[in-house]
Amino acid sequence: MTTTNTPVSIDAPRPYAGNGFDLRGAVELLGRLLLSAMFLMSGIGKIGSYAATAGYMASVGVPDALLPLTILLEIGGALAVILGWKVRPVSILLAGFTLLTASSFTGTLGTKFR
């Protein structure tokens, strides 16, 4: 009897726990929820304190005109990741946003804290 080694596709069906519960899918959803919560809460908080956030951004030299885009990116990106839509590109975009924000609000990336 001969066996062949066929590579498993990433899109192959996931194994179930036997009762129809997809543990891997549940863990992935939980991970997406936990990672996105930070961005979602931050975006909603910026809406609630719009004027104060715009003032803070202006005080560190970031144009307050970027605030609507920031809110859209945080809330839209979080929802996209939670829903599983374009997770990889959106996650890369959110990571880049985080690095840019850290760089903008600390002077340089991680070397100066206020």
Protein backbone atom coordinates (compact mmCIF):
# COMPACT_ATOMS: atom_id res chain seq x y z
CA MET A 1 0.00 0.00 0.00
CA THR A 2 1.41 3.37 -1.02
CA THR A 3 0.65 6.63 0.67
CA THR A 4 1.23 10.05 -0.71
CA ASN A 5 1.94 13.13 1.31
CA THR A 6 -0.47 15.77 0.20
CA PRO A 7 -0.13 19.21 1.73
CA VAL A 8 -3.08 20.35 3.77
CA SER A 9 -4.67 23.52 2.50
CA ILE A 10 -5.10 26.40 4.92
CA ASP A 11 -8.70 26.57 3.76
CA ALA A 12 -9.32 22.91 4.58
CA PRO A 13 -12.32 22.21 6.82
CA ARG A 14 -11.54 22.46 10.48
CA PRO A 15 -11.90 19.43 12.73
CA TYR A 16 -14.87 19.56 15.07
CA ALA A 17 -14.98 18.47 18.67
CA GLY A 18 -17.59 15.88 17.78
CA ASN A 19 -20.69 17.77 18.88
CA GLY A 20 -20.69 20.41 16.14
CA PHE A 21 -18.73 22.91 18.23
CA ASP A 22 -15.79 24.43 16.38
CA LEU A 23 -13.26 25.15 19.14
CA ARG A 24 -10.70 26.72 16.82
CA GLY A 25 -13.29 29.07 15.35
CA ALA A 26 -14.47 30.07 18.83
CA VAL A 27 -10.92 30.77 19.99
CA GLU A 28 -10.21 32.82 16.85
CA LEU A 29 -13.37 34.87 17.43
CA LEU A 30 -12.44 35.44 21.06
CA GLY A 31 -8.96 36.56 20.02
CA ARG A 32 -10.37 38.94 17.41
CA LEU A 33 -12.80 40.36 19.99
CA LEU A 34 -10.10 40.91 22.60
CA LEU A 35 -7.65 42.50 20.15
CA SER A 36 -10.31 44.74 18.63
CA ALA A 37 -11.82 45.88 21.93
CA MET A 38 -8.98 48.36 22.49
CA PHE A 39 -9.52 50.07 19.13
CA LEU A 40 -13.31 49.98 19.36
CA MET A 41 -13.41 51.51 22.85
CA SER A 42 -10.81 54.12 21.89
CA GLY A 43 -12.76 55.18 18.81
CA ILE A 44 -16.03 55.42 20.71
CA GLY A 45 -14.27 57.39 23.46
CA LYS A 46 -12.96 59.86 20.90
CA ILE A 47 -16.52 60.49 19.71
CA GLY A 48 -17.64 61.14 23.29
CA SER A 49 -14.84 63.62 23.95
CA TYR A 50 -14.37 64.98 20.45
CA ALA A 51 -13.38 68.55 21.37
CA ALA A 52 -10.94 67.47 24.08
CA THR A 53 -9.31 64.91 21.78
CA ALA A 54 -9.02 67.45 18.95
CA GLY A 55 -7.42 69.92 21.36
CA TYR A 56 -4.93 67.34 22.60
CA MET A 57 -4.01 66.35 19.06
CA ALA A 58 -3.45 70.01 18.15
CA SER A 59 -1.31 70.53 21.28
CA VAL A 60 1.19 67.90 20.13
CA GLY A 61 1.26 69.15 16.55
CA VAL A 62 -1.08 66.61 14.96
CA PRO A 63 -3.76 68.33 12.83
CA ASP A 64 -7.16 67.93 14.47
CA ALA A 65 -8.58 67.44 10.97
CA LEU A 66 -7.22 63.87 11.20
CA LEU A 67 -9.57 63.05 14.08
CA PRO A 68 -12.51 61.87 11.93
CA LEU A 69 -10.16 59.58 9.99
CA THR A 70 -8.73 58.27 13.24
CA ILE A 71 -12.20 57.50 14.59
CA LEU A 72 -13.18 55.81 11.32
CA LEU A 73 -10.00 53.72 11.29
CA GLU A 74 -10.34 52.64 14.92
CA ILE A 75 -14.03 51.76 14.83
CA GLY A 76 -14.11 50.48 11.24
CA GLY A 77 -10.91 48.47 11.67
CA ALA A 78 -12.10 46.95 14.92
CA LEU A 79 -15.43 45.93 13.41
CA ALA A 80 -13.72 44.49 10.33
CA VAL A 81 -11.44 42.34 12.49
CA ILE A 82 -14.30 41.24 14.76
CA LEU A 83 -16.40 40.24 11.76
CA GLY A 84 -13.45 38.47 10.15
CA TRP A 85 -13.42 40.69 7.03
CA LYS A 86 -9.93 41.21 5.52
CA VAL A 87 -8.39 40.49 8.94
CA ARG A 88 -4.77 40.37 7.82
CA PRO A 89 -4.64 43.65 5.84
CA VAL A 90 -6.78 45.50 8.39
CA SER A 91 -4.59 44.21 11.22
CA ILE A 92 -1.48 45.42 9.42
CA LEU A 93 -3.15 48.80 8.93
CA LEU A 94 -4.06 48.99 12.64
CA ALA A 95 -0.52 47.98 13.64
CA GLY A 96 0.92 50.71 11.42
CA PHE A 97 -1.54 53.20 12.90
CA THR A 98 -0.43 52.19 16.39
CA LEU A 99 3.25 52.69 15.54
CA LEU A 100 2.54 56.04 13.87
CA THR A 101 0.50 57.17 16.87
CA ALA A 102 3.19 56.10 19.31
CA SER A 103 5.78 57.94 17.26
CA SER A 104 3.66 61.10 16.98
CA PHE A 105 2.67 61.36 20.62
CA THR A 106 5.96 60.39 22.25
CA GLY A 107 8.34 62.32 20.01
CA THR A 108 10.15 59.25 18.68
CA LEU A 109 9.17 55.65 18.64
CA GLY A 110 9.48 54.47 22.22
CA THR A 111 12.51 56.51 23.27
CA LYS A 112 10.80 59.39 25.02
CA PHE A 113 7.81 59.15 27.33
CA ARG A 114 5.91 62.09 28.74
